[in-house]
Each structure stands twice: as structure tokens, then as C-alpha cells.
C-alpha atoms as a PDB file:
ATOM      1  CA  MET A   1     121.049  92.066  81.758  1.00  0.00           C
ATOM      2  CA  ALA A   2     118.273  91.630  84.309  1.00  0.00           C
ATOM      3  CA  GLU A   3     117.528  94.541  86.625  1.00  0.00           C
ATOM      4  CA  GLU A   4     118.085  93.933  90.287  1.00  0.00           C
ATOM      5  CA  LYS A   5     115.086  94.547  92.390  1.00  0.00           C
ATOM      6  CA  LYS A   6     115.911  96.965  95.220  1.00  0.00           C
ATOM      7  CA  GLU A   7     114.971  95.723  98.647  1.00  0.00           C
ATOM      8  CA  MET A   8     112.019  97.699 100.033  1.00  0.00           C
ATOM      9  CA  PRO A   9     112.930  99.248 103.347  1.00  0.00           C
ATOM     10  CA  LEU A  10     109.263  99.471 104.251  1.00  0.00           C
ATOM     11  CA  LYS A  11     108.027  96.145 105.639  1.00  0.00           C
ATOM     12  CA  LYS A  12     104.608  97.037 107.026  1.00  0.00           C
ATOM     13  CA  VAL A  13     102.179  99.829 106.537  1.00  0.00           C
ATOM     14  CA  MET A  14      99.141 100.790 108.595  1.00  0.00           C
ATOM     15  CA  ILE A  15      96.726 103.093 106.820  1.00  0.00           C
ATOM     16  CA  ILE A  16      94.157 104.960 108.918  1.00  0.00           C
ATOM     17  CA  VAL A  17      91.070 106.192 107.096  1.00  0.00           C
ATOM     18  CA  ALA A  18      89.216 108.767 109.200  1.00  0.00           C
ATOM     19  CA  LYS A  19      87.111 110.645 106.619  1.00  0.00           C
ATOM     20  CA  GLY A  20      84.158 109.492 104.571  1.00  0.00           C
ATOM     21  CA  THR A  21      84.430 111.506 101.333  1.00  0.00           C
ATOM     22  CA  ILE A  22      85.181 109.807  98.000  1.00  0.00           C
ATOM     23  CA  GLU A  23      88.590 111.388  97.882  1.00  0.00           C
ATOM     24  CA  ASP A  24      89.553 110.411 101.413  1.00  0.00           C
ATOM     25  CA  ILE A  25      88.303 106.821 101.223  1.00  0.00           C
ATOM     26  CA  TYR A  26      89.972 106.240  97.807  1.00  0.00           C
ATOM     27  CA  ALA A  27      93.263 107.770  99.011  1.00  0.00           C
ATOM     28  CA  GLY A  28      93.499 105.046 101.624  1.00  0.00           C
ATOM     29  CA  LEU A  29      92.334 102.270  99.288  1.00  0.00           C
ATOM     30  CA  VAL A  30      94.757 103.229  96.571  1.00  0.00           C
ATOM     31  CA  MET A  31      97.649 103.355  98.995  1.00  0.00           C
ATOM     32  CA  ALA A  32      96.706 100.025 100.618  1.00  0.00           C
ATOM     33  CA  ASN A  33      96.345  98.333  97.218  1.00  0.00           C
ATOM     34  CA  GLY A  34      99.711  99.649  96.099  1.00  0.00           C
ATOM     35  CA  ALA A  35     101.317  98.417  99.269  1.00  0.00           C
ATOM     36  CA  VAL A  36      99.763  94.966  98.896  1.00  0.00           C
ATOM     37  CA  MET A  37     100.979  94.791  95.283  1.00  0.00           C
ATOM     38  CA  GLU A  38     104.550  95.662  96.459  1.00  0.00           C
ATOM     39  CA  GLY A  39     104.449  92.785  98.916  1.00  0.00           C
ATOM     40  CA  ILE A  40     104.216  95.131 101.927  1.00  0.00           C
ATOM     41  CA  GLU A  41     102.234  93.830 104.920  1.00  0.00           C
ATOM     42  CA  THR A  42      99.150  96.016 104.883  1.00  0.00           C
ATOM     43  CA  LYS A  43      96.548  96.840 107.569  1.00  0.00           C
ATOM     44  CA  MET A  44      93.756  99.392 107.296  1.00  0.00           C
ATOM     45  CA  PHE A  45      92.056 100.977 110.234  1.00  0.00           C
ATOM     46  CA  PHE A  46      88.795 102.797 109.644  1.00  0.00           C
ATOM     47  CA  THR A  47      87.697 105.318 112.294  1.00  0.00           C
ATOM     48  CA  PHE A  48      84.943 108.000 112.637  1.00  0.00           C
ATOM     49  CA  PHE A  49      83.446 108.865 109.207  1.00  0.00           C
ATOM     50  CA  GLY A  50      85.988 106.644 107.470  1.00  0.00           C
ATOM     51  CA  LEU A  51      83.860 103.743 108.741  1.00  0.00           C
ATOM     52  CA  ASP A  52      81.502 104.532 105.853  1.00  0.00           C
ATOM     53  CA  ALA A  53      83.922 102.640 103.620  1.00  0.00           C
ATOM     54  CA  ILE A  54      83.306  99.436 105.497  1.00  0.00           C
ATOM     55  CA  ILE A  55      79.647  99.817 106.400  1.00  0.00           C
ATOM     56  CA  LYS A  56      77.759  97.662 103.893  1.00  0.00           C
ATOM     57  CA  LYS A  57      74.859 100.106 103.406  1.00  0.00           C
ATOM     58  CA  ARG A  58      77.133 103.136 102.876  1.00  0.00           C
ATOM     59  CA  GLN A  59      80.369 101.923 101.265  1.00  0.00           C
ATOM     60  CA  ASN A  60      79.491 102.666  97.684  1.00  0.00           C
ATOM     61  CA  LYS A  61      77.518 105.854  98.457  1.00  0.00           C
ATOM     62  CA  SER A  62      80.270 108.268  99.470  1.00  0.00           C
ATOM     63  CA  LYS A  63      80.160 111.810  98.101  1.00  0.00           C
ATOM     64  CA  THR A  64      82.734 114.500  97.211  1.00  0.00           C
ATOM     65  CA  SER A  65      82.971 117.424  99.555  1.00  0.00           C
ATOM     66  CA  THR A  66      81.884 120.514  97.592  1.00  0.00           C
ATOM     67  CA  VAL A  67      81.752 123.010 100.432  1.00  0.00           C
ATOM     68  CA  GLY A  68      85.072 124.157 102.034  1.00  0.00           C
ATOM     69  CA  ASN A  69      87.258 122.224  99.582  1.00  0.00           C
ATOM     70  CA  PRO A  70      89.842 124.769  98.438  1.00  0.00           C
ATOM     71  CA  ALA A  71      91.491 122.280  96.076  1.00  0.00           C
ATOM     72  CA  MET A  72      88.314 121.670  94.082  1.00  0.00           C
ATOM     73  CA  ARG A  73      88.389 123.000  90.507  1.00  0.00           C
ATOM     74  CA  MET A  74      85.793 123.353  87.786  1.00  0.00           C
ATOM     75  CA  PRO A  75      86.459 122.153  84.281  1.00  0.00           C
ATOM     76  CA  GLY A  76      89.108 124.477  82.837  1.00  0.00           C
ATOM     77  CA  GLY A  77      90.865 124.833  86.130  1.00  0.00           C
ATOM     78  CA  LEU A  78      89.002 127.634  87.707  1.00  0.00           C
ATOM     79  CA  PRO A  79      88.362 127.425  91.472  1.00  0.00           C
ATOM     80  CA  PHE A  80      85.037 125.896  92.437  1.00  0.00           C
ATOM     81  CA  PRO A  81      82.944 128.528  94.228  1.00  0.00           C
ATOM     82  CA  THR A  82      82.175 127.258  97.728  1.00  0.00           C
ATOM     83  CA  LEU A  83      78.690 128.882  97.708  1.00  0.00           C
ATOM     84  CA  LEU A  84      77.829 126.852  94.655  1.00  0.00           C
ATOM     85  CA  GLY A  85      78.379 123.606  96.583  1.00  0.00           C
ATOM     86  CA  MET A  86      75.491 124.479  98.882  1.00  0.00           C
ATOM     87  CA  LEU A  87      72.924 124.463  96.071  1.00  0.00           C
ATOM     88  CA  PRO A  88      70.618 121.411  95.943  1.00  0.00           C
ATOM     89  CA  GLY A  89      71.927 118.719  93.606  1.00  0.00           C
ATOM     90  CA  VAL A  90      75.476 120.140  93.206  1.00  0.00           C
ATOM     91  CA  GLU A  91      77.151 117.681  95.620  1.00  0.00           C
ATOM     92  CA  ALA A  92      75.291 114.797  93.980  1.00  0.00           C
ATOM     93  CA  GLY A  93      76.295 115.982  90.493  1.00  0.00           C
ATOM     94  CA  VAL A  94      79.967 116.484  91.373  1.00  0.00           C
ATOM     95  CA  SER A  95      80.036 113.103  93.084  1.00  0.00           C
ATOM     96  CA  ALA A  96      78.516 111.361  90.068  1.00  0.00           C
ATOM     97  CA  MET A  97      81.012 113.106  87.772  1.00  0.00           C
ATOM     98  CA  MET A  98      83.885 112.004  90.000  1.00  0.00           C
ATOM     99  CA  LYS A  99      82.645 108.432  90.100  1.00  0.00           C
ATOM    100  CA  SER A 100      82.174 108.339  86.300  1.00  0.00           C
ATOM    101  CA  GLN A 101      85.679 109.624  85.805  1.00  0.00           C
ATOM    102  CA  MET A 102      87.036 106.942  88.164  1.00  0.00           C
ATOM    103  CA  ALA A 103      84.992 104.257  86.371  1.00  0.00           C
ATOM    104  CA  ALA A 104      86.461 105.393  82.995  1.00  0.00           C
ATOM    105  CA  LEU A 105      89.914 104.661  84.484  1.00  0.00           C
ATOM    106  CA  ASP A 106      88.735 101.189  85.705  1.00  0.00           C
ATOM    107  CA  VAL A 107      88.906 102.244  89.371  1.00  0.00           C
ATOM    108  CA  PRO A 108      86.596  99.745  91.098  1.00  0.00           C
ATOM    109  CA  PRO A 109      83.824 100.732  93.536  1.00  0.00           C
ATOM    110  CA  VAL A 110      84.737 100.621  97.224  1.00  0.00           C
ATOM    111  CA  ASP A 111      83.406  97.111  97.904  1.00  0.00           C
ATOM    112  CA  GLU A 112      85.339  95.622  95.013  1.00  0.00           C
ATOM    113  CA  PHE A 113      88.506  97.578  95.954  1.00  0.00           C
ATOM    114  CA  ILE A 114      88.265  96.232  99.455  1.00  0.00           C
ATOM    115  CA  GLU A 115      87.957  92.597  98.084  1.00  0.00           C
ATOM    116  CA  MET A 116      91.128  93.129  95.990  1.00  0.00           C
ATOM    117  CA  ILE A 117      93.096  94.413  99.010  1.00  0.00           C
ATOM    118  CA  VAL A 118      91.997  91.497 101.185  1.00  0.00           C
ATOM    119  CA  ALA A 119      92.634  88.975  98.388  1.00  0.00           C
ATOM    120  CA  GLY A 120      96.174  90.341  98.194  1.00  0.00           C
ATOM    121  CA  GLY A 121      96.700  89.744 101.961  1.00  0.00           C
ATOM    122  CA  GLY A 122      95.628  93.174 103.376  1.00  0.00           C
ATOM    123  CA  GLU A 123      93.643  93.290 106.555  1.00  0.00           C
ATOM    124  CA  LEU A 124      90.802  95.642 107.586  1.00  0.00           C
ATOM    125  CA  TYR A 125      89.929  96.746 111.090  1.00  0.00           C
ATOM    126  CA  ALA A 126      87.215  99.025 112.532  1.00  0.00           C
ATOM    127  CA  CYS A 127      87.861 101.438 115.410  1.00  0.00           C
ATOM    128  CA  LYS A 128      86.059 100.351 118.577  1.00  0.00           C
ATOM    129  CA  LEU A 129      85.549 103.897 119.827  1.00  0.00           C
ATOM    130  CA  ALA A 130      83.808 105.084 116.648  1.00  0.00           C
ATOM    131  CA  PHE A 131      82.003 101.752 116.265  1.00  0.00           C
ATOM    132  CA  ASP A 132      80.520 102.113 119.742  1.00  0.00           C
ATOM    133  CA  MET A 133      79.886 105.848 119.356  1.00  0.00           C
ATOM    134  CA  PHE A 134      77.847 105.314 116.183  1.00  0.00           C
ATOM    135  CA  LYS A 135      76.038 102.313 117.769  1.00  0.00           C
ATOM    136  CA  LEU A 136      77.085  99.932 115.049  1.00  0.00           C
ATOM    137  CA  LYS A 137      76.735  96.161 115.029  1.00  0.00           C
ATOM    138  CA  GLU A 138      79.257  93.659 113.551  1.00  0.00           C
ATOM    139  CA  GLU A 139      76.635  92.667 110.934  1.00  0.00           C
ATOM    140  CA  ASP A 140      76.698  96.274 109.669  1.00  0.00           C
ATOM    141  CA  LEU A 141      80.285  95.831 108.531  1.00  0.00           C
ATOM    142  CA  ASP A 142      81.706  94.521 105.314  1.00  0.00           C
ATOM    143  CA  ASP A 143      82.382  90.802 105.729  1.00  0.00           C
ATOM    144  CA  ASN A 144      86.098  91.448 104.984  1.00  0.00           C
ATOM    145  CA  VAL A 145      86.613  93.362 108.268  1.00  0.00           C
ATOM    146  CA  LYS A 146      88.751  91.196 110.425  1.00  0.00           C
ATOM    147  CA  ALA A 147      87.892  92.754 113.809  1.00  0.00           C
ATOM    148  CA  VAL A 148      86.717  95.739 115.735  1.00  0.00           C
ATOM    149  CA  ILE A 149      89.807  96.919 117.749  1.00  0.00           C
ATOM    150  CA  THR A 150      91.018  99.715 119.980  1.00  0.00           C
ATOM    151  CA  VAL A 151      93.809 102.164 119.077  1.00  0.00           C
ATOM    152  CA  GLY A 152      96.013 100.433 121.568  1.00  0.00           C
ATOM    153  CA  GLU A 153      95.483  97.056 119.765  1.00  0.00           C
ATOM    154  CA  LEU A 154      96.336  98.805 116.474  1.00  0.00           C
ATOM    155  CA  TYR A 155      99.583 100.051 117.878  1.00  0.00           C
ATOM    156  CA  GLU A 156     100.380  96.552 119.250  1.00  0.00           C
ATOM    157  CA  MET A 157     100.088  95.256 115.709  1.00  0.00           C
ATOM    158  CA  SER A 158     102.641  97.782 114.330  1.00  0.00           C
ATOM    159  CA  GLY A 159     105.471  95.575 115.413  1.00  0.00           C
ATOM    160  CA  GLY A 160     108.522  97.809 115.504  1.00  0.00           C
ATOM    161  CA  GLU A 161     110.940  98.899 112.868  1.00  0.00           C
ATOM    162  CA  GLY A 162     109.944  99.006 109.214  1.00  0.00           C
ATOM    163  CA  THR A 163     106.330 100.015 109.960  1.00  0.00           C
ATOM    164  CA  GLN A 164     104.844 103.200 108.607  1.00  0.00           C
ATOM    165  CA  ILE A 165     101.576 104.576 109.940  1.00  0.00           C
ATOM    166  CA  ILE A 166      99.755 106.727 107.343  1.00  0.00           C
ATOM    167  CA  PHE A 167      96.789 108.870 108.258  1.00  0.00           C
ATOM    168  CA  THR A 168      94.585 109.864 105.296  1.00  0.00           C
END
């Protein structure tokens, strides 16, 4: 007996990426990729430091936040001492470890993840306010970015019922 596929009540998702750390960028990418794979119309909006995910020169250079991250743990589960995160090289080492663990799980780098999302029908947008504030040019952005838009334009795209806006 074939299983019936339940109708997905969620029709459209808009994912806002506002932070530029590895964990924040990948949270948005993983959610967007999952939505695309489920057939949900997916739009991503990158603002403020989240723009690093779609700026060509920075998109694969994100770091893990080692200072002020209360959820960070050391191997064995002990809390990561915040003061340790301030030492030279610690942030780079933790970031390299995180990236190697993700690579071992076949998690693609940011630029490849973006290509997968767009190939699946997802759309990427940059925030006009942050874009102007950081004095960016369109050529600075990943070629997969559809447009630089205002928050008002983002809301116009939401299109009513069945849309979920997720802020990462």
C-alpha cells in the first residue's frame, strides 16, 4: 500500500539572513535548501552582515563566533571559555574545525550551496539599505542574486496566506 503524501500547508517561505557567522549563514542555507527540496517556493533576503554570504570575495570566508557564544562547547561538552576566544588564532582554528566537520558530512561551501538552492528554484535578494550602507556594487554580489530590493518590496513578494517569514 502506497503512503499518501500529506499536503504541505506551507506554500512559500522567505528566509532572512542578517548575520555573517558560519552558523548563521548555514542556518539560512539549510532551511532554504530543505524548503526547495519540499517544493516550497523559497526566497532568501540577505541583510547587514548576512550579505557576506552573497558577496563574492567573502562568501566562503565566514568564521564562527568564539566570543560571547554561550552555546559553544569544547570537545567533551565543556563550555567554551569566552576569554579563550579572544586569543590570536583561536577563532580561525575553531572556524577551520567547524568547516572540516561540515565537509566530512558533505555540506557544500556557501557558493555551491547557493547554486543548489537557485538550481532548485530558490531566489536570492540583497537588502538595499545594507547594500547602500556598505557601499557595495552589483558586481560585488554572487551572480545568483536576483536583485537588490527594499524591505517593502520583500513584503510585497510575500503574497498572503501560506507564507512564512523566517529570520535567522
